[in-house]
Amino acid sequence: MRKPTRPPTARCTLPMYMGFLMSEPKSSTCTRLSQVMGISHDSVNRFLLRESYEPKDLFDEAQKLLDMVGGTLNVDDTTLDKPYSQKMALVGHFWSGKHRRAVKGLNLVTLYYTDVQGRSLPVNYRVYDKADDKTKNDYFQDMLAEVLAWGLRPAFATGDSWYSCEKNLKTVKNHQMGLMFAVEANRTVSVEKGTWVQVQRLDVPEEGLMVWLRNFGPVKLFRTRLKDQLRHYLACLPDAQGYSTFGRLNFQKLHDQHWGIEQYHRLLKQVCNVERFQVRGKVPILNHIFAALCSFVQLQEMRFTHAIVNAYQWKTELFTQVVATFVTGFIPGKKHLNPQFRTTVNA
């Protein structure tokens, strides 16, 4: 985080920008914020260009609300749609689960932590940058090393099939953590020594099947169904004695925590306006995304303390009284628009 050398006099601040992202229903632009708060457009631009927030700043905010030991660390990425962007930094073509194809936008990779009390928050992130010359798997390994150095002690790590490469699995295992990662249907494992078979061809019982993953070791294979699609997951425990009691209920709990990151992605886009910005430079884009992530943390804190039930309901209720006041004031003098009752006339 930037360290000022004198008392700040800026009119646009991070709390102001976060509050704007959380409450603005549609147009979260610098111009709109300047209109709402009565400040200059340049004040907002200067804020986005001036600050220097880093992933550690997000971690520092999140750790105040979480139990840092024994939870589940999830990794996943999402594409922030920018189909009409021109000369915007960090924009490329990335696979979108929403569109089921590669689309133009930015790619946000997040480590999302769920503690033993069920509270979930992002604790590290990267915005994909070709200039870094790294893959998303490299980002995951970097972020994992960072959060462990910062004091996080998760019991498990989970991820989808994109992150289930051999190097990632070994990295997690070497940190004495359990893991549960999705794998593609054609991933090969061995049930009998010397025989390799695709996981989709195996008969997997409800309580899981012990198999040998090539170049890794023993894991437990689970199968689940999402809509009409079969999905396969490999679970590895730091203590081999635990496999005998690690069954369907344990897998389902980890799977539910793993899918919590999808809810985070939706709320980040629909409530925190992470996709809705019109700046083009790398620094203001990164500062906008950081502010959106911090907005999510604040909304979750409000939910943890029972100030709100959920973020969607809270945002809807922000405008309930405004709409009701307008409708009430609009009705008078409009009775002629209502159907007029007319008595029947007998001929």
Protein backbone atom coordinates (compact mmCIF):
# COMPACT_ATOMS: atom_id res chain seq x y z
CA MET A 1 0.00 0.00 0.00
CA ARG A 2 1.16 3.52 -0.76
CA LYS A 3 2.58 5.34 2.27
CA PRO A 4 1.82 9.11 2.11
CA THR A 5 4.52 11.53 3.22
CA ARG A 6 2.06 14.22 4.33
CA PRO A 7 -1.56 14.38 5.46
CA PRO A 8 -3.81 13.43 2.51
CA THR A 9 -6.15 16.03 1.04
CA ALA A 10 -7.71 13.90 -1.69
CA ARG A 11 -11.49 14.19 -1.98
CA CYS A 12 -11.94 10.70 -3.45
CA THR A 13 -10.88 7.93 -1.06
CA LEU A 14 -11.04 4.15 -0.96
CA PRO A 15 -14.07 4.05 1.41
CA MET A 16 -15.93 6.48 -0.88
CA TYR A 17 -15.12 4.45 -3.97
CA MET A 18 -16.06 1.18 -2.25
CA GLY A 19 -19.38 2.58 -1.03
CA PHE A 20 -20.10 3.74 -4.57
CA LEU A 21 -19.36 0.29 -6.06
CA MET A 22 -21.56 -1.41 -3.46
CA SER A 23 -24.56 0.88 -3.98
CA GLU A 24 -24.53 2.05 -7.61
CA PRO A 25 -27.09 -0.06 -9.52
CA LYS A 26 -25.80 0.38 -13.05
CA SER A 27 -23.16 2.92 -14.07
CA SER A 28 -20.09 2.67 -11.81
CA THR A 29 -17.97 5.16 -13.75
CA CYS A 30 -15.78 8.04 -12.61
CA THR A 31 -18.26 10.50 -14.09
CA ARG A 32 -21.18 8.99 -12.20
CA LEU A 33 -19.28 9.04 -8.89
CA SER A 34 -18.38 12.69 -9.41
CA GLN A 35 -22.06 13.50 -10.00
CA VAL A 36 -23.24 11.55 -6.95
CA MET A 37 -20.69 12.93 -4.50
CA GLY A 38 -20.30 16.44 -5.92
CA ILE A 39 -16.59 16.10 -6.59
CA SER A 40 -14.65 16.57 -9.78
CA HIS A 41 -14.20 13.78 -12.31
CA ASP A 42 -10.45 14.33 -12.03
CA SER A 43 -10.55 13.59 -8.30
CA VAL A 44 -11.79 10.08 -9.02
CA ASN A 45 -9.27 9.57 -11.80
CA ARG A 46 -6.44 10.75 -9.57
CA PHE A 47 -7.52 8.31 -6.85
CA LEU A 48 -7.36 5.38 -9.26
CA LEU A 49 -4.01 6.50 -10.66
CA ARG A 50 -2.46 7.44 -7.32
CA GLU A 51 -2.95 4.38 -5.12
CA SER A 52 -0.80 1.27 -5.06
CA TYR A 53 -2.78 -1.55 -3.44
CA GLU A 54 -1.38 -5.06 -3.33
CA PRO A 55 -2.82 -8.54 -2.58
CA LYS A 56 -1.34 -8.36 0.94
CA ASP A 57 -3.62 -5.38 1.64
CA LEU A 58 -6.64 -7.57 0.86
CA PHE A 59 -5.28 -10.35 3.07
CA ASP A 60 -4.84 -7.92 5.95
CA GLU A 61 -8.51 -6.94 5.71
CA ALA A 62 -9.75 -10.52 5.41
CA GLN A 63 -7.71 -12.02 8.25
CA LYS A 64 -9.46 -9.80 10.80
CA LEU A 65 -12.67 -11.72 10.15
CA LEU A 66 -11.41 -15.28 9.72
CA ASP A 67 -10.01 -18.15 11.75
CA MET A 68 -6.71 -18.66 9.97
CA VAL A 69 -6.19 -22.30 10.98
CA GLY A 70 -7.89 -25.45 9.71
CA GLY A 71 -10.08 -24.13 6.88
CA THR A 72 -10.31 -24.85 3.16
CA LEU A 73 -8.43 -22.86 0.52
CA ASN A 74 -10.07 -22.75 -2.93
CA VAL A 75 -8.51 -21.61 -6.19
CA ASP A 76 -10.43 -20.59 -9.29
CA ASP A 77 -10.53 -17.86 -11.91
CA THR A 78 -13.24 -15.88 -13.62
CA THR A 79 -13.35 -13.77 -16.76
CA LEU A 80 -14.45 -10.15 -16.46
CA ASP A 81 -16.23 -9.41 -19.75
CA LYS A 82 -14.91 -6.47 -21.76
CA PRO A 83 -16.26 -7.16 -25.27
CA TYR A 84 -16.07 -3.54 -26.46
CA SER A 85 -12.74 -2.51 -24.92
CA GLN A 86 -10.23 -0.72 -27.11
CA LYS A 87 -6.58 -0.30 -26.08
CA MET A 88 -7.33 -1.39 -22.50
CA ALA A 89 -4.51 -2.87 -20.43
CA LEU A 90 -4.65 -6.52 -19.28
CA VAL A 91 -7.41 -7.43 -21.75
CA GLY A 92 -7.08 -10.68 -23.67
CA HIS A 93 -9.16 -13.66 -24.72
CA PHE A 94 -10.01 -16.10 -21.93
CA TRP A 95 -12.33 -19.05 -21.51
CA SER A 96 -15.67 -18.08 -19.96
CA GLY A 97 -17.86 -20.63 -18.20
CA LYS A 98 -20.77 -18.23 -18.63
CA HIS A 99 -20.43 -18.00 -22.42
CA ARG A 100 -18.93 -21.49 -22.90
CA ARG A 101 -16.24 -20.06 -25.19
CA ALA A 102 -13.24 -17.76 -25.17
CA VAL A 103 -14.28 -14.12 -24.81
CA LYS A 104 -12.57 -10.76 -24.61
CA GLY A 105 -11.92 -9.57 -21.09
CA LEU A 106 -9.69 -9.75 -18.03
CA ASN A 107 -8.91 -12.89 -16.05
CA LEU A 108 -9.07 -12.73 -12.25
CA VAL A 109 -7.49 -15.61 -10.30
CA THR A 110 -8.49 -15.84 -6.63
CA LEU A 111 -7.57 -17.81 -3.54
CA TYR A 112 -10.80 -18.03 -1.54
CA TYR A 113 -10.66 -19.27 2.04
CA THR A 114 -13.46 -20.84 4.08
CA ASP A 115 -12.69 -21.13 7.79
CA VAL A 116 -13.90 -23.79 10.23
CA GLN A 117 -16.88 -21.60 11.20
CA GLY A 118 -18.06 -21.40 7.58
CA ARG A 119 -17.01 -17.79 6.94
CA SER A 120 -15.55 -17.26 3.46
CA LEU A 121 -13.43 -14.45 2.00
CA PRO A 122 -10.83 -13.92 -0.75
CA VAL A 123 -7.31 -13.87 0.69
CA ASN A 124 -5.14 -13.44 -2.42
CA TYR A 125 -5.58 -12.66 -6.09
CA ARG A 126 -3.90 -12.00 -9.41
CA VAL A 127 -5.08 -10.32 -12.59
CA TYR A 128 -3.61 -12.24 -15.52
CA ASP A 129 -0.90 -10.20 -17.22
CA LYS A 130 0.92 -11.56 -20.29
CA ALA A 131 3.89 -9.39 -19.36
CA ASP A 132 4.47 -11.60 -16.30
CA ASP A 133 5.16 -14.56 -18.61
CA LYS A 134 3.35 -16.87 -16.18
CA THR A 135 0.48 -19.33 -16.42
CA LYS A 136 -2.49 -19.48 -14.10
CA ASN A 137 -0.84 -22.48 -12.45
CA ASP A 138 2.25 -20.35 -11.76
CA TYR A 139 0.00 -17.71 -10.20
CA PHE A 140 -1.60 -20.36 -7.98
CA GLN A 141 1.77 -21.59 -6.71
CA ASP A 142 2.95 -18.02 -6.06
CA MET A 143 -0.25 -17.09 -4.22
CA LEU A 144 -0.22 -20.28 -2.15
CA ALA A 145 3.35 -19.60 -1.02
CA GLU A 146 2.39 -16.02 -0.12
CA VAL A 147 -0.65 -16.81 2.03
CA LEU A 148 1.27 -19.50 3.90
CA ALA A 149 4.05 -17.00 4.56
CA TRP A 150 1.45 -14.49 5.77
CA GLY A 151 0.19 -16.92 8.40
CA LEU A 152 -2.69 -18.85 6.81
CA ARG A 153 -2.80 -22.53 7.81
CA PRO A 154 -5.50 -24.30 5.79
CA ALA A 155 -6.18 -27.99 6.24
CA PHE A 156 -7.31 -28.54 2.63
CA ALA A 157 -6.89 -26.98 -0.81
CA THR A 158 -9.41 -27.46 -3.61
CA GLY A 159 -9.64 -26.46 -7.26
CA ASP A 160 -11.14 -27.35 -10.61
CA SER A 161 -9.53 -29.50 -13.29
CA TRP A 162 -7.52 -26.58 -14.74
CA TYR A 163 -5.41 -26.53 -11.56
CA SER A 164 -5.03 -30.30 -11.07
CA CYS A 165 -1.72 -30.65 -12.87
CA GLU A 166 0.93 -32.83 -11.27
CA LYS A 167 3.07 -29.90 -10.12
CA ASN A 168 0.17 -28.17 -8.33
CA LEU A 169 -0.88 -31.36 -6.56
CA LYS A 170 2.67 -32.05 -5.40
CA THR A 171 3.07 -28.45 -4.23
CA VAL A 172 -0.03 -28.73 -2.03
CA LYS A 173 0.99 -32.17 -0.75
CA ASN A 174 4.49 -30.94 0.16
CA HIS A 175 2.91 -28.34 2.43
CA GLN A 176 1.31 -31.18 4.44
CA MET A 177 -2.18 -30.17 3.36
CA GLY A 178 -5.05 -32.33 2.18
CA LEU A 179 -6.40 -31.68 -1.29
CA MET A 180 -9.45 -32.23 -3.46
CA PHE A 181 -9.16 -31.29 -7.12
CA ALA A 182 -11.41 -32.00 -10.07
CA VAL A 183 -9.92 -33.97 -12.95
CA GLU A 184 -10.94 -34.41 -16.57
CA ALA A 185 -12.81 -37.57 -17.49
CA ASN A 186 -9.84 -38.87 -19.51
CA ARG A 187 -7.31 -38.58 -16.65
CA THR A 188 -5.68 -41.99 -16.18
CA VAL A 189 -5.25 -43.81 -12.87
CA SER A 190 -4.34 -47.32 -11.82
CA VAL A 191 -6.51 -49.66 -9.78
CA GLU A 192 -4.30 -52.70 -10.39
CA LYS A 193 -0.54 -52.34 -10.69
CA GLY A 194 0.57 -51.98 -14.31
CA THR A 195 -2.93 -51.22 -15.64
CA TRP A 196 -3.95 -47.65 -16.45
CA VAL A 197 -7.55 -46.64 -17.12
CA GLN A 198 -9.46 -43.39 -17.62
CA VAL A 199 -11.49 -42.34 -14.58
CA GLN A 200 -14.66 -42.16 -16.69
CA ARG A 201 -14.43 -45.92 -17.31
CA LEU A 202 -14.27 -46.90 -13.66
CA ASP A 203 -17.13 -48.05 -11.47
CA VAL A 204 -16.85 -45.57 -8.59
CA PRO A 205 -18.86 -46.36 -5.41
CA GLU A 206 -20.56 -43.63 -3.38
CA GLU A 207 -17.89 -43.79 -0.67
CA GLY A 208 -15.08 -43.34 -3.19
CA LEU A 209 -12.46 -45.61 -4.78
CA MET A 210 -8.76 -45.82 -3.88
CA VAL A 211 -6.59 -45.49 -6.99
CA TRP A 212 -2.99 -44.66 -7.88
CA LEU A 213 -2.41 -41.40 -9.73
CA ARG A 214 0.55 -41.55 -12.09
CA ASN A 215 3.67 -39.73 -10.78
CA PHE A 216 1.84 -38.77 -7.61
CA GLY A 217 0.65 -41.62 -5.43
CA PRO A 218 -2.52 -42.99 -3.78
CA VAL A 219 -5.67 -40.86 -3.92
CA LYS A 220 -9.37 -41.45 -3.43
CA LEU A 221 -11.58 -40.97 -6.48
CA PHE A 222 -15.11 -39.59 -6.17
CA ARG A 223 -17.76 -39.07 -8.81
CA THR A 224 -20.64 -36.61 -8.70
CA ARG A 225 -23.21 -35.30 -11.15
CA LEU A 226 -23.88 -31.68 -12.03
CA LYS A 227 -27.04 -31.44 -14.11
CA ASP A 228 -26.40 -34.04 -16.85
CA GLN A 229 -22.61 -34.00 -16.55
CA LEU A 230 -20.48 -36.42 -14.54
CA ARG A 231 -17.56 -34.86 -12.67
CA HIS A 232 -14.59 -36.58 -11.08
CA TYR A 233 -12.55 -35.47 -8.07
CA LEU A 234 -9.35 -36.78 -6.51
CA ALA A 235 -8.85 -36.44 -2.76
CA CYS A 236 -5.49 -36.84 -1.07
CA LEU A 237 -4.99 -36.83 2.70
CA PRO A 238 -1.74 -35.98 4.51
CA ASP A 239 -2.32 -39.01 6.76
CA ALA A 240 -2.83 -42.25 4.83
CA GLN A 241 -4.69 -43.75 7.80
CA GLY A 242 -7.52 -41.25 7.24
CA TYR A 243 -8.75 -42.76 3.97
CA SER A 244 -10.71 -45.49 5.78
CA THR A 245 -13.01 -42.89 7.36
CA PHE A 246 -12.97 -40.31 4.55
CA GLY A 247 -16.26 -40.99 2.77
CA ARG A 248 -19.09 -39.33 0.91
CA LEU A 249 -20.01 -36.88 3.66
CA ASN A 250 -16.43 -35.62 3.93
CA PHE A 251 -16.23 -35.24 0.17
CA GLN A 252 -19.57 -33.44 -0.02
CA LYS A 253 -18.52 -30.94 2.64
CA LEU A 254 -15.32 -30.10 0.72
CA HIS A 255 -17.24 -29.97 -2.54
CA ASP A 256 -19.76 -27.48 -1.11
CA GLN A 257 -16.94 -25.27 0.15
CA HIS A 258 -15.24 -25.54 -3.23
CA TRP A 259 -18.37 -24.31 -5.02
CA GLY A 260 -18.62 -21.34 -2.68
CA ILE A 261 -16.09 -19.58 -4.90
CA GLU A 262 -18.64 -19.58 -7.73
CA GLN A 263 -21.08 -17.66 -5.52
CA TYR A 264 -18.25 -15.23 -4.76
CA HIS A 265 -17.71 -14.66 -8.49
CA ARG A 266 -21.39 -13.92 -9.08
CA LEU A 267 -21.70 -11.50 -6.18
CA LEU A 268 -18.46 -9.75 -7.13
CA LYS A 269 -19.88 -9.05 -10.59
CA GLN A 270 -23.54 -8.44 -9.79
CA VAL A 271 -23.23 -6.42 -6.56
CA CYS A 272 -19.65 -5.11 -6.36
CA ASN A 273 -19.45 -3.94 -10.00
CA VAL A 274 -16.02 -5.46 -10.63
CA GLU A 275 -16.67 -5.60 -14.42
CA ARG A 276 -18.09 -2.09 -14.74
CA PHE A 277 -15.29 0.39 -15.25
CA GLN A 278 -14.14 2.58 -18.12
CA VAL A 279 -10.52 3.31 -17.23
CA ARG A 280 -7.88 1.92 -19.57
CA GLY A 281 -4.55 1.98 -17.76
CA LYS A 282 -3.12 -0.95 -15.79
CA VAL A 283 -2.83 0.89 -12.46
CA PRO A 284 -6.40 2.26 -12.33
CA ILE A 285 -7.80 -1.11 -13.45
CA LEU A 286 -5.95 -2.93 -10.67
CA ASN A 287 -7.08 -0.34 -8.10
CA HIS A 288 -10.69 -0.68 -9.25
CA ILE A 289 -10.54 -4.48 -8.91
CA PHE A 290 -8.96 -4.17 -5.46
CA ALA A 291 -11.76 -1.82 -4.37
CA ALA A 292 -14.37 -4.30 -5.65
CA LEU A 293 -12.72 -7.13 -3.71
CA CYS A 294 -12.66 -5.01 -0.55
CA SER A 295 -16.33 -4.20 -1.13
CA PHE A 296 -17.06 -7.93 -1.13
CA VAL A 297 -15.18 -8.28 2.17
CA GLN A 298 -17.28 -5.47 3.69
CA LEU A 299 -20.53 -7.05 2.53
CA GLN A 300 -19.50 -10.37 4.02
CA GLU A 301 -18.60 -8.66 7.30
CA MET A 302 -22.09 -7.16 7.37
CA ARG A 303 -23.50 -10.65 6.86
CA PHE A 304 -21.25 -12.17 9.55
CA THR A 305 -22.50 -9.59 12.06
CA HIS A 306 -26.13 -10.08 10.95
CA ALA A 307 -26.41 -6.49 9.73
CA ILE A 308 -27.80 -7.94 6.49
CA VAL A 309 -29.24 -11.30 5.50
CA ASN A 310 -27.61 -11.39 2.08
CA ALA A 311 -26.06 -8.86 -0.27
CA TYR A 312 -28.67 -9.18 -3.01
CA GLN A 313 -31.56 -8.43 -0.67
CA TRP A 314 -29.63 -5.55 0.89
CA LYS A 315 -28.93 -3.92 -2.48
CA THR A 316 -32.56 -4.30 -3.57
CA GLU A 317 -33.79 -2.69 -0.36
CA LEU A 318 -31.49 0.31 -0.92
CA PHE A 319 -33.86 1.53 -3.61
CA THR A 320 -37.19 0.34 -2.20
CA GLN A 321 -38.02 3.59 -0.41
CA VAL A 322 -36.85 5.72 -3.36
CA VAL A 323 -39.11 3.84 -5.77
CA ALA A 324 -42.05 3.89 -3.34
CA THR A 325 -41.68 7.66 -2.81
CA PHE A 326 -41.66 8.31 -6.54
CA VAL A 327 -44.70 6.10 -7.22
CA THR A 328 -46.64 7.72 -4.36
CA GLY A 329 -45.91 11.19 -5.70
CA PHE A 330 -46.72 10.19 -9.26
CA ILE A 331 -50.23 8.84 -8.61
CA PRO A 332 -52.11 12.10 -7.74
CA GLY A 333 -53.82 13.72 -10.71
CA LYS A 334 -53.74 10.54 -12.80
CA LYS A 335 -57.19 9.13 -11.95
CA HIS A 336 -58.38 9.76 -15.52
CA LEU A 337 -56.02 6.97 -16.62
CA ASN A 338 -57.95 4.39 -14.60
CA PRO A 339 -60.92 2.48 -16.11
CA GLN A 340 -64.12 4.46 -15.56
CA PHE A 341 -67.15 2.61 -14.19
CA ARG A 342 -70.31 3.26 -16.20
CA THR A 343 -73.79 2.15 -15.16
CA THR A 344 -75.78 -0.04 -17.48
CA VAL A 345 -78.52 1.78 -19.42
CA ASN A 346 -81.67 -0.24 -20.28
CA ALA A 347 -83.04 0.51 -23.68
